[in-house]
Amino acid sequence: LVFGVAAFTLIVAVLIKRFLPSLPNLLLAMIAGSLLALELG
C-alpha cells in the first residue's frame, strides 16, 4: 500500500508534466496521492 501510493504520486506528477506542462504537477500529484491514500483507508 505504501509503495503503491508513492508510485502512484510519482506517475501522476510525471504524466502531468508530460502532457499538461502548464499545470503545477507536484501540487496536483500531492493532491492525487492524498485522495488515493484516503480511499485506501
Full PDB file with SEQRES, HELIX, SHEET, SSBOND, CRYST1, ORIGX, SCALE, CONECT and MASTER records, all heavy atoms in Angstrom:
SEQRES   1 A   41  LEU VAL PHE GLY VAL ALA ALA PHE THR LEU ILE VAL ALA          
SEQRES   2 A   41  VAL LEU ILE LYS ARG PHE LEU PRO SER LEU PRO ASN LEU          
SEQRES   3 A   41  LEU LEU ALA MET ILE ALA GLY SER LEU LEU ALA LEU GLU          
SEQRES   4 A   41  LEU GLY                                                      
HELIX    1 AA1 VAL A    2  PHE A   19  1                                  18    
HELIX    2 AA2 ASN A   25  LEU A   40  1                                  16    
CRYST1    1.000    1.000    1.000  90.00  90.00  90.00 P 1           1          
ORIGX1      1.000000  0.000000  0.000000        0.00000                         
ORIGX2      0.000000  1.000000  0.000000        0.00000                         
ORIGX3      0.000000  0.000000  1.000000        0.00000                         
SCALE1      1.000000  0.000000  0.000000        0.00000                         
SCALE2      0.000000  1.000000  0.000000        0.00000                         
SCALE3      0.000000  0.000000  1.000000        0.00000                         
ATOM      1  N   LEU A   1       0.823  -1.204   0.000  1.00  0.00           N  
ATOM      2  CA  LEU A   1       0.000   0.000   0.000  1.00  0.00           C  
ATOM      3  C   LEU A   1       0.861   1.260   0.000  1.00  0.00           C  
ATOM      4  O   LEU A   1       0.620   2.197  -0.757  1.00  0.00           O  
ATOM      5  CB  LEU A   1      -0.937   0.004   1.215  1.00  0.00           C  
ATOM      6  CG  LEU A   1      -2.180  -0.894   1.138  1.00  0.00           C  
ATOM      7  CD1 LEU A   1      -2.996  -0.756   2.411  1.00  0.00           C  
ATOM      8  CD2 LEU A   1      -3.032  -0.529  -0.071  1.00  0.00           C  
ATOM      9  N   VAL A   2       1.848   1.291   0.875  1.00  0.00           N  
ATOM     10  CA  VAL A   2       2.739   2.447   0.959  1.00  0.00           C  
ATOM     11  C   VAL A   2       3.475   2.646  -0.358  1.00  0.00           C  
ATOM     12  O   VAL A   2       3.530   3.763  -0.899  1.00  0.00           O  
ATOM     13  CB  VAL A   2       3.739   2.271   2.123  1.00  0.00           C  
ATOM     14  CG1 VAL A   2       4.780   3.382   2.105  1.00  0.00           C  
ATOM     15  CG2 VAL A   2       3.011   2.242   3.457  1.00  0.00           C  
ATOM     16  N   PHE A   3       4.030   1.564  -0.873  1.00  0.00           N  
ATOM     17  CA  PHE A   3       4.764   1.648  -2.142  1.00  0.00           C  
ATOM     18  C   PHE A   3       3.841   2.057  -3.285  1.00  0.00           C  
ATOM     19  O   PHE A   3       4.221   2.842  -4.154  1.00  0.00           O  
ATOM     20  CB  PHE A   3       5.421   0.298  -2.450  1.00  0.00           C  
ATOM     21  CG  PHE A   3       6.299   0.320  -3.671  1.00  0.00           C  
ATOM     22  CD1 PHE A   3       7.567   0.869  -3.618  1.00  0.00           C  
ATOM     23  CD2 PHE A   3       5.841  -0.191  -4.889  1.00  0.00           C  
ATOM     24  CE1 PHE A   3       8.381   0.904  -4.744  1.00  0.00           C  
ATOM     25  CE2 PHE A   3       6.642  -0.158  -6.018  1.00  0.00           C  
ATOM     26  CZ  PHE A   3       7.918   0.389  -5.946  1.00  0.00           C  
ATOM     27  N   GLY A   4       2.627   1.558  -3.272  1.00  0.00           N  
ATOM     28  CA  GLY A   4       1.672   1.890  -4.325  1.00  0.00           C  
ATOM     29  C   GLY A   4       1.296   3.364  -4.327  1.00  0.00           C  
ATOM     30  O   GLY A   4       1.212   3.990  -5.393  1.00  0.00           O  
ATOM     31  N   VAL A   5       1.059   3.926  -3.131  1.00  0.00           N  
ATOM     32  CA  VAL A   5       0.721   5.352  -3.043  1.00  0.00           C  
ATOM     33  C   VAL A   5       1.885   6.207  -3.548  1.00  0.00           C  
ATOM     34  O   VAL A   5       1.682   7.179  -4.294  1.00  0.00           O  
ATOM     35  CB  VAL A   5       0.353   5.727  -1.592  1.00  0.00           C  
ATOM     36  CG1 VAL A   5       0.258   7.242  -1.436  1.00  0.00           C  
ATOM     37  CG2 VAL A   5      -0.961   5.073  -1.183  1.00  0.00           C  
ATOM     38  N   ALA A   6       3.121   5.869  -3.166  1.00  0.00           N  
ATOM     39  CA  ALA A   6       4.299   6.621  -3.614  1.00  0.00           C  
ATOM     40  C   ALA A   6       4.460   6.525  -5.132  1.00  0.00           C  
ATOM     41  O   ALA A   6       4.709   7.538  -5.804  1.00  0.00           O  
ATOM     42  CB  ALA A   6       5.545   6.106  -2.911  1.00  0.00           C  
ATOM     43  N   ALA A   7       4.314   5.303  -5.660  1.00  0.00           N  
ATOM     44  CA  ALA A   7       4.462   5.114  -7.105  1.00  0.00           C  
ATOM     45  C   ALA A   7       3.365   5.845  -7.871  1.00  0.00           C  
ATOM     46  O   ALA A   7       3.631   6.468  -8.915  1.00  0.00           O  
ATOM     47  CB  ALA A   7       4.434   3.618  -7.440  1.00  0.00           C  
ATOM     48  N   PHE A   8       2.120   5.796  -7.351  1.00  0.00           N  
ATOM     49  CA  PHE A   8       1.011   6.490  -7.997  1.00  0.00           C  
ATOM     50  C   PHE A   8       1.264   8.000  -8.041  1.00  0.00           C  
ATOM     51  O   PHE A   8       1.051   8.648  -9.071  1.00  0.00           O  
ATOM     52  CB  PHE A   8      -0.297   6.195  -7.244  1.00  0.00           C  
ATOM     53  CG  PHE A   8      -1.490   6.950  -7.747  1.00  0.00           C  
ATOM     54  CD1 PHE A   8      -2.132   6.557  -8.914  1.00  0.00           C  
ATOM     55  CD2 PHE A   8      -1.970   8.067  -7.074  1.00  0.00           C  
ATOM     56  CE1 PHE A   8      -3.227   7.272  -9.397  1.00  0.00           C  
ATOM     57  CE2 PHE A   8      -3.058   8.775  -7.549  1.00  0.00           C  
ATOM     58  CZ  PHE A   8      -3.689   8.369  -8.705  1.00  0.00           C  
ATOM     59  N   THR A   9       1.735   8.563  -6.936  1.00  0.00           N  
ATOM     60  CA  THR A   9       2.037  10.005  -6.881  1.00  0.00           C  
ATOM     61  C   THR A   9       3.108  10.369  -7.898  1.00  0.00           C  
ATOM     62  O   THR A   9       2.988  11.367  -8.618  1.00  0.00           O  
ATOM     63  CB  THR A   9       2.516  10.398  -5.475  1.00  0.00           C  
ATOM     64  OG1 THR A   9       1.535  10.005  -4.509  1.00  0.00           O  
ATOM     65  CG2 THR A   9       2.753  11.891  -5.380  1.00  0.00           C  
ATOM     66  N   LEU A  10       4.158   9.562  -7.954  1.00  0.00           N  
ATOM     67  CA  LEU A  10       5.255   9.816  -8.885  1.00  0.00           C  
ATOM     68  C   LEU A  10       4.771   9.765 -10.334  1.00  0.00           C  
ATOM     69  O   LEU A  10       5.102  10.635 -11.152  1.00  0.00           O  
ATOM     70  CB  LEU A  10       6.366   8.787  -8.660  1.00  0.00           C  
ATOM     71  CG  LEU A  10       7.595   8.852  -9.575  1.00  0.00           C  
ATOM     72  CD1 LEU A  10       8.286  10.192  -9.440  1.00  0.00           C  
ATOM     73  CD2 LEU A  10       8.561   7.720  -9.257  1.00  0.00           C  
ATOM     74  N   ILE A  11       3.970   8.764 -10.657  1.00  0.00           N  
ATOM     75  CA  ILE A  11       3.481   8.607 -12.035  1.00  0.00           C  
ATOM     76  C   ILE A  11       2.568   9.773 -12.422  1.00  0.00           C  
ATOM     77  O   ILE A  11       2.667  10.310 -13.535  1.00  0.00           O  
ATOM     78  CB  ILE A  11       2.740   7.256 -12.182  1.00  0.00           C  
ATOM     79  CG1 ILE A  11       3.740   6.102 -12.052  1.00  0.00           C  
ATOM     80  CG2 ILE A  11       2.013   7.180 -13.518  1.00  0.00           C  
ATOM     81  CD1 ILE A  11       3.097   4.738 -11.948  1.00  0.00           C  
ATOM     82  N   VAL A  12       1.683  10.173 -11.517  1.00  0.00           N  
ATOM     83  CA  VAL A  12       0.789  11.305 -11.802  1.00  0.00           C  
ATOM     84  C   VAL A  12       1.601  12.573 -12.067  1.00  0.00           C  
ATOM     85  O   VAL A  12       1.320  13.326 -13.007  1.00  0.00           O  
ATOM     86  CB  VAL A  12      -0.198  11.524 -10.633  1.00  0.00           C  
ATOM     87  CG1 VAL A  12      -0.948  12.844 -10.809  1.00  0.00           C  
ATOM     88  CG2 VAL A  12      -1.189  10.373 -10.543  1.00  0.00           C  
ATOM     89  N   ALA A  13       2.620  12.812 -11.252  1.00  0.00           N  
ATOM     90  CA  ALA A  13       3.456  14.006 -11.432  1.00  0.00           C  
ATOM     91  C   ALA A  13       4.157  13.986 -12.792  1.00  0.00           C  
ATOM     92  O   ALA A  13       4.227  15.015 -13.485  1.00  0.00           O  
ATOM     93  CB  ALA A  13       4.483  14.103 -10.315  1.00  0.00           C  
ATOM     94  N   VAL A  14       4.673  12.829 -13.190  1.00  0.00           N  
ATOM     95  CA  VAL A  14       5.365  12.701 -14.476  1.00  0.00           C  
ATOM     96  C   VAL A  14       4.395  12.901 -15.637  1.00  0.00           C  
ATOM     97  O   VAL A  14       4.702  13.602 -16.614  1.00  0.00           O  
ATOM     98  CB  VAL A  14       6.060  11.324 -14.582  1.00  0.00           C  
ATOM     99  CG1 VAL A  14       6.608  11.105 -15.989  1.00  0.00           C  
ATOM    100  CG2 VAL A  14       7.183  11.214 -13.558  1.00  0.00           C  
ATOM    101  N   LEU A  15       3.197  12.308 -15.550  1.00  0.00           N  
ATOM    102  CA  LEU A  15       2.223  12.417 -16.638  1.00  0.00           C  
ATOM    103  C   LEU A  15       1.730  13.854 -16.810  1.00  0.00           C  
ATOM    104  O   LEU A  15       1.576  14.335 -17.940  1.00  0.00           O  
ATOM    105  CB  LEU A  15       1.045  11.472 -16.376  1.00  0.00           C  
ATOM    106  CG  LEU A  15       1.358   9.970 -16.475  1.00  0.00           C  
ATOM    107  CD1 LEU A  15       0.129   9.147 -16.124  1.00  0.00           C  
ATOM    108  CD2 LEU A  15       1.857   9.617 -17.880  1.00  0.00           C  
ATOM    109  N   ILE A  16       1.485  14.539 -15.694  1.00  0.00           N  
ATOM    110  CA  ILE A  16       1.031  15.932 -15.785  1.00  0.00           C  
ATOM    111  C   ILE A  16       2.128  16.798 -16.397  1.00  0.00           C  
ATOM    112  O   ILE A  16       1.862  17.658 -17.243  1.00  0.00           O  
ATOM    113  CB  ILE A  16       0.627  16.469 -14.397  1.00  0.00           C  
ATOM    114  CG1 ILE A  16      -0.624  15.739 -13.881  1.00  0.00           C  
ATOM    115  CG2 ILE A  16       0.365  17.970 -14.458  1.00  0.00           C  
ATOM    116  CD1 ILE A  16      -1.020  16.131 -12.477  1.00  0.00           C  
ATOM    117  N   LYS A  17       3.360  16.566 -15.992  1.00  0.00           N  
ATOM    118  CA  LYS A  17       4.482  17.323 -16.549  1.00  0.00           C  
ATOM    119  C   LYS A  17       4.624  17.062 -18.046  1.00  0.00           C  
ATOM    120  O   LYS A  17       4.962  17.959 -18.828  1.00  0.00           O  
ATOM    121  CB  LYS A  17       5.773  16.941 -15.818  1.00  0.00           C  
ATOM    122  CG  LYS A  17       7.010  17.725 -16.266  1.00  0.00           C  
ATOM    123  CD  LYS A  17       6.927  19.172 -15.840  1.00  0.00           C  
ATOM    124  CE  LYS A  17       8.207  19.920 -16.136  1.00  0.00           C  
ATOM    125  NZ  LYS A  17       8.127  21.343 -15.763  1.00  0.00           N  
ATOM    126  N   ARG A  18       4.327  15.825 -18.438  1.00  0.00           N  
ATOM    127  CA  ARG A  18       4.498  15.446 -19.845  1.00  0.00           C  
ATOM    128  C   ARG A  18       3.371  15.973 -20.733  1.00  0.00           C  
ATOM    129  O   ARG A  18       3.620  16.500 -21.825  1.00  0.00           O  
ATOM    130  CB  ARG A  18       4.563  13.910 -19.948  1.00  0.00           C  
ATOM    131  CG  ARG A  18       4.604  13.367 -21.366  1.00  0.00           C  
ATOM    132  CD  ARG A  18       5.921  13.711 -22.045  1.00  0.00           C  
ATOM    133  NE  ARG A  18       6.015  13.119 -23.354  1.00  0.00           N  
ATOM    134  CZ  ARG A  18       5.487  13.640 -24.472  1.00  0.00           C  
ATOM    135  NH1 ARG A  18       4.833  14.794 -24.399  1.00  0.00           N  
ATOM    136  NH2 ARG A  18       5.615  13.050 -25.633  1.00  0.00           N  
ATOM    137  N   PHE A  19       2.146  15.852 -20.279  1.00  0.00           N  
ATOM    138  CA  PHE A  19       1.011  16.170 -21.143  1.00  0.00           C  
ATOM    139  C   PHE A  19       0.331  17.499 -20.803  1.00  0.00           C  
ATOM    140  O   PHE A  19      -0.364  18.066 -21.644  1.00  0.00           O  
ATOM    141  CB  PHE A  19      -0.027  15.042 -21.079  1.00  0.00           C  
ATOM    142  CG  PHE A  19       0.496  13.734 -21.600  1.00  0.00           C  
ATOM    143  CD1 PHE A  19       0.840  12.702 -20.735  1.00  0.00           C  
ATOM    144  CD2 PHE A  19       0.664  13.535 -22.967  1.00  0.00           C  
ATOM    145  CE1 PHE A  19       1.331  11.492 -21.220  1.00  0.00           C  
ATOM    146  CE2 PHE A  19       1.159  12.331 -23.460  1.00  0.00           C  
ATOM    147  CZ  PHE A  19       1.494  11.312 -22.589  1.00  0.00           C  
ATOM    148  N   LEU A  20       0.488  17.992 -19.584  1.00  0.00           N  
ATOM    149  CA  LEU A  20      -0.114  19.266 -19.187  1.00  0.00           C  
ATOM    150  C   LEU A  20       0.943  20.124 -18.486  1.00  0.00           C  
ATOM    151  O   LEU A  20       0.849  20.430 -17.295  1.00  0.00           O  
ATOM    152  CB  LEU A  20      -1.308  19.024 -18.253  1.00  0.00           C  
ATOM    153  CG  LEU A  20      -2.462  18.195 -18.829  1.00  0.00           C  
ATOM    154  CD1 LEU A  20      -3.425  17.785 -17.727  1.00  0.00           C  
ATOM    155  CD2 LEU A  20      -3.195  18.972 -19.922  1.00  0.00           C  
ATOM    156  N   PRO A  21       1.993  20.521 -19.213  1.00  0.00           N  
ATOM    157  CA  PRO A  21       3.140  21.198 -18.581  1.00  0.00           C  
ATOM    158  C   PRO A  21       2.813  22.536 -17.945  1.00  0.00           C  
ATOM    159  O   PRO A  21       3.570  23.018 -17.108  1.00  0.00           O  
ATOM    160  CB  PRO A  21       4.126  21.367 -19.744  1.00  0.00           C  
ATOM    161  CG  PRO A  21       3.283  21.313 -20.980  1.00  0.00           C  
ATOM    162  CD  PRO A  21       2.163  20.377 -20.665  1.00  0.00           C  
ATOM    163  N   SER A  22       1.697  23.157 -18.331  1.00  0.00           N  
ATOM    164  CA  SER A  22       1.352  24.465 -17.763  1.00  0.00           C  
ATOM    165  C   SER A  22       0.763  24.354 -16.357  1.00  0.00           C  
ATOM    166  O   SER A  22       0.651  25.359 -15.654  1.00  0.00           O  
ATOM    167  CB  SER A  22       0.360  25.191 -18.675  1.00  0.00           C  
ATOM    168  OG  SER A  22      -0.840  24.438 -18.798  1.00  0.00           O  
ATOM    169  N   LEU A  23       0.382  23.139 -15.942  1.00  0.00           N  
ATOM    170  CA  LEU A  23      -0.222  22.946 -14.624  1.00  0.00           C  
ATOM    171  C   LEU A  23       0.844  22.629 -13.587  1.00  0.00           C  
ATOM    172  O   LEU A  23       1.895  22.050 -13.919  1.00  0.00           O  
ATOM    173  CB  LEU A  23      -1.251  21.810 -14.677  1.00  0.00           C  
ATOM    174  CG  LEU A  23      -2.457  22.041 -15.605  1.00  0.00           C  
ATOM    175  CD1 LEU A  23      -3.391  20.831 -15.570  1.00  0.00           C  
ATOM    176  CD2 LEU A  23      -3.211  23.297 -15.208  1.00  0.00           C  
ATOM    177  N   PRO A  24       0.612  22.964 -12.301  1.00  0.00           N  
ATOM    178  CA  PRO A  24       1.577  22.646 -11.223  1.00  0.00           C  
ATOM    179  C   PRO A  24       1.565  21.154 -10.911  1.00  0.00           C  
ATOM    180  O   PRO A  24       0.776  20.680 -10.098  1.00  0.00           O  
ATOM    181  CB  PRO A  24       1.066  23.492 -10.048  1.00  0.00           C  
ATOM    182  CG  PRO A  24      -0.392  23.674 -10.310  1.00  0.00           C  
ATOM    183  CD  PRO A  24      -0.556  23.723 -11.795  1.00  0.00           C  
ATOM    184  N   ASN A  25       2.435  20.405 -11.561  1.00  0.00           N  
ATOM    185  CA  ASN A  25       2.371  18.937 -11.478  1.00  0.00           C  
ATOM    186  C   ASN A  25       2.622  18.400 -10.075  1.00  0.00           C  
ATOM    187  O   ASN A  25       1.961  17.433  -9.651  1.00  0.00           O  
ATOM    188  CB  ASN A  25       3.362  18.320 -12.465  1.00  0.00           C  
ATOM    189  CG  ASN A  25       4.807  18.618 -12.123  1.00  0.00           C  
ATOM    190  OD1 ASN A  25       5.147  19.732 -11.729  1.00  0.00           O  
ATOM    191  ND2 ASN A  25       5.667  17.625 -12.272  1.00  0.00           N  
ATOM    192  N   LEU A  26       3.547  19.008  -9.330  1.00  0.00           N  
ATOM    193  CA  LEU A  26       3.843  18.489  -7.989  1.00  0.00           C  
ATOM    194  C   LEU A  26       2.657  18.678  -7.050  1.00  0.00           C  
ATOM    195  O   LEU A  26       2.310  17.777  -6.276  1.00  0.00           O  
ATOM    196  CB  LEU A  26       5.084  19.176  -7.427  1.00  0.00           C  
ATOM    197  CG  LEU A  26       6.398  18.954  -8.184  1.00  0.00           C  
ATOM    198  CD1 LEU A  26       7.555  19.620  -7.442  1.00  0.00           C  
ATOM    199  CD2 LEU A  26       6.684  17.474  -8.371  1.00  0.00           C  
ATOM    200  N   LEU A  27       2.043  19.836  -7.124  1.00  0.00           N  
ATOM    201  CA  LEU A  27       0.897  20.115  -6.257  1.00  0.00           C  
ATOM    202  C   LEU A  27      -0.269  19.186  -6.577  1.00  0.00           C  
ATOM    203  O   LEU A  27      -0.890  18.605  -5.669  1.00  0.00           O  
ATOM    204  CB  LEU A  27       0.474  21.578  -6.415  1.00  0.00           C  
ATOM    205  CG  LEU A  27      -0.679  22.054  -5.515  1.00  0.00           C  
ATOM    206  CD1 LEU A  27      -0.301  21.920  -4.046  1.00  0.00           C  
ATOM    207  CD2 LEU A  27      -1.061  23.487  -5.849  1.00  0.00           C  
ATOM    208  N   LEU A  28      -0.573  19.022  -7.855  1.00  0.00           N  
ATOM    209  CA  LEU A  28      -1.681  18.153  -8.249  1.00  0.00           C  
ATOM    210  C   LEU A  28      -1.371  16.694  -7.917  1.00  0.00           C  
ATOM    211  O   LEU A  28      -2.281  15.931  -7.532  1.00  0.00           O  
ATOM    212  CB  LEU A  28      -1.959  18.306  -9.743  1.00  0.00           C  
ATOM    213  CG  LEU A  28      -2.486  19.683 -10.176  1.00  0.00           C  
ATOM    214  CD1 LEU A  28      -2.672  19.734 -11.691  1.00  0.00           C  
ATOM    215  CD2 LEU A  28      -3.804  19.988  -9.467  1.00  0.00           C  
ATOM    216  N   ALA A  29      -0.111  16.286  -8.054  1.00  0.00           N  
ATOM    217  CA  ALA A  29       0.260  14.908  -7.710  1.00  0.00           C  
ATOM    218  C   ALA A  29       0.114  14.668  -6.210  1.00  0.00           C  
ATOM    219  O   ALA A  29      -0.310  13.582  -5.787  1.00  0.00           O  
ATOM    220  CB  ALA A  29       1.692  14.634  -8.158  1.00  0.00           C  
ATOM    221  N   MET A  30       0.461  15.664  -5.394  1.00  0.00           N  
ATOM    222  CA  MET A  30       0.278  15.535  -3.945  1.00  0.00           C  
ATOM    223  C   MET A  30      -1.199  15.376  -3.591  1.00  0.00           C  
ATOM    224  O   MET A  30      -1.578  14.547  -2.746  1.00  0.00           O  
ATOM    225  CB  MET A  30       0.855  16.764  -3.236  1.00  0.00           C  
ATOM    226  CG  MET A  30       2.370  16.806  -3.203  1.00  0.00           C  
ATOM    227  SD  MET A  30       3.034  18.376  -2.556  1.00  0.00           S  
ATOM    228  CE  MET A  30       2.341  18.389  -0.935  1.00  0.00           C  
ATOM    229  N   ILE A  31      -2.054  16.143  -4.262  1.00  0.00           N  
ATOM    230  CA  ILE A  31      -3.490  16.033  -4.013  1.00  0.00           C  
ATOM    231  C   ILE A  31      -3.996  14.656  -4.440  1.00  0.00           C  
ATOM    232  O   ILE A  31      -4.764  14.000  -3.712  1.00  0.00           O  
ATOM    233  CB  ILE A  31      -4.244  17.149  -4.767  1.00  0.00           C  
ATOM    234  CG1 ILE A  31      -3.861  18.517  -4.197  1.00  0.00           C  
ATOM    235  CG2 ILE A  31      -5.752  16.932  -4.690  1.00  0.00           C  
ATOM    236  CD1 ILE A  31      -4.424  19.681  -4.983  1.00  0.00           C  
ATOM    237  N   ALA A  32      -3.552  14.191  -5.608  1.00  0.00           N  
ATOM    238  CA  ALA A  32      -3.978  12.879  -6.102  1.00  0.00           C  
ATOM    239  C   ALA A  32      -3.517  11.766  -5.168  1.00  0.00           C  
ATOM    240  O   ALA A  32      -4.275  10.827  -4.863  1.00  0.00           O  
ATOM    241  CB  ALA A  32      -3.429  12.655  -7.509  1.00  0.00           C  
ATOM    242  N   GLY A  33      -2.270  11.848  -4.704  1.00  0.00           N  
ATOM    243  CA  GLY A  33      -1.760  10.831  -3.782  1.00  0.00           C  
ATOM    244  C   GLY A  33      -2.504  10.837  -2.461  1.00  0.00           C  
ATOM    245  O   GLY A  33      -2.767   9.770  -1.882  1.00  0.00           O  
ATOM    246  N   SER A  34      -2.865  12.019  -1.974  1.00  0.00           N  
ATOM    247  CA  SER A  34      -3.627  12.114  -0.718  1.00  0.00           C  
ATOM    248  C   SER A  34      -5.014  11.514  -0.870  1.00  0.00           C  
ATOM    249  O   SER A  34      -5.496  10.788   0.021  1.00  0.00           O  
ATOM    250  CB  SER A  34      -3.735  13.580  -0.288  1.00  0.00           C  
ATOM    251  OG  SER A  34      -2.455  14.143  -0.093  1.00  0.00           O  
ATOM    252  N   LEU A  35      -5.671  11.782  -1.996  1.00  0.00           N  
ATOM    253  CA  LEU A  35      -7.006  11.224  -2.229  1.00  0.00           C  
ATOM    254  C   LEU A  35      -6.956   9.704  -2.329  1.00  0.00           C  
ATOM    255  O   LEU A  35      -7.836   8.996  -1.803  1.00  0.00           O  
ATOM    256  CB  LEU A  35      -7.601  11.820  -3.510  1.00  0.00           C  
ATOM    257  CG  LEU A  35      -7.933  13.325  -3.453  1.00  0.00           C  
ATOM    258  CD1 LEU A  35      -8.403  13.811  -4.820  1.00  0.00           C  
ATOM    259  CD2 LEU A  35      -8.983  13.597  -2.386  1.00  0.00           C  
ATOM    260  N   LEU A  36      -5.931   9.179  -2.994  1.00  0.00           N  
ATOM    261  CA  LEU A  36      -5.792   7.725  -3.085  1.00  0.00           C  
ATOM    262  C   LEU A  36      -5.573   7.111  -1.705  1.00  0.00           C  
ATOM    263  O   LEU A  36      -6.160   6.067  -1.366  1.00  0.00           O  
ATOM    264  CB  LEU A  36      -4.616   7.367  -4.005  1.00  0.00           C  
ATOM    265  CG  LEU A  36      -4.294   5.871  -4.114  1.00  0.00           C  
ATOM    266  CD1 LEU A  36      -5.473   5.100  -4.733  1.00  0.00           C  
ATOM    267  CD2 LEU A  36      -3.016   5.634  -4.933  1.00  0.00           C  
ATOM    268  N   ALA A  37      -4.727   7.769  -0.881  1.00  0.00           N  
ATOM    269  CA  ALA A  37      -4.466   7.247   0.463  1.00  0.00           C  
ATOM    270  C   ALA A  37      -5.739   7.230   1.300  1.00  0.00           C  
ATOM    271  O   ALA A  37      -6.006   6.261   2.037  1.00  0.00           O  
ATOM    272  CB  ALA A  37      -3.394   8.099   1.142  1.00  0.00           C  
ATOM    273  N   LEU A  38      -6.556   8.280   1.188  1.00  0.00           N  
ATOM    274  CA  LEU A  38      -7.818   8.311   1.929  1.00  0.00           C  
ATOM    275  C   LEU A  38      -8.759   7.225   1.442  1.00  0.00           C  
ATOM    276  O   LEU A  38      -9.477   6.577   2.233  1.00  0.00           O  
ATOM    277  CB  LEU A  38      -8.476   9.690   1.772  1.00  0.00           C  
ATOM    278  CG  LEU A  38      -7.770  10.866   2.465  1.00  0.00           C  
ATOM    279  CD1 LEU A  38      -8.457  12.182   2.125  1.00  0.00           C  
ATOM    280  CD2 LEU A  38      -7.752  10.664   3.981  1.00  0.00           C  
ATOM    281  N   GLU A  39      -8.758   6.980   0.124  1.00  0.00           N  
ATOM    282  CA  GLU A  39      -9.615   5.938  -0.437  1.00  0.00           C  
ATOM    283  C   GLU A  39      -9.197   4.552   0.045  1.00  0.00           C  
ATOM    284  O   GLU A  39     -10.038   3.666   0.252  1.00  0.00           O  
ATOM    285  CB  GLU A  39      -9.544   6.004  -1.970  1.00  0.00           C  
ATOM    286  CG  GLU A  39     -10.439   5.020  -2.688  1.00  0.00           C  
ATOM    287  CD  GLU A  39     -11.918   5.306  -2.465  1.00  0.00           C  
ATOM    288  OE1 GLU A  39     -12.271   6.469  -2.163  1.00  0.00           O  
ATOM    289  OE2 GLU A  39     -12.721   4.353  -2.586  1.00  0.00           O  
ATOM    290  N   LEU A  40      -7.900   4.373   0.270  1.00  0.00           N  
ATOM    291  CA  LEU A  40      -7.388   3.070   0.731  1.00  0.00           C  
ATOM    292  C   LEU A  40      -7.510   2.886   2.236  1.00  0.00           C  
ATOM    293  O   LEU A  40      -7.193   1.815   2.750  1.00  0.00           O  
ATOM    294  CB  LEU A  40      -5.920   2.924   0.313  1.00  0.00           C  
ATOM    295  CG  LEU A  40      -5.658   2.850  -1.202  1.00  0.00           C  
ATOM    296  CD1 LEU A  40      -4.156   2.850  -1.481  1.00  0.00           C  
ATOM    297  CD2 LEU A  40      -6.304   1.596  -1.805  1.00  0.00           C  
ATOM    298  N   GLY A  41      -7.924   3.915   2.964  1.00  0.00           N  
ATOM    299  CA  GLY A  41      -8.125   3.777   4.402  1.00  0.00           C  
ATOM    300  C   GLY A  41      -7.260   4.674   5.251  1.00  0.00           C  
ATOM    301  O   GLY A  41      -7.420   4.709   6.475  1.00  0.00           O  
TER     302      GLY A  41                                                      
MASTER        0    0    0    2    0    0    0    6  301    1    0    4          
END                                                                             
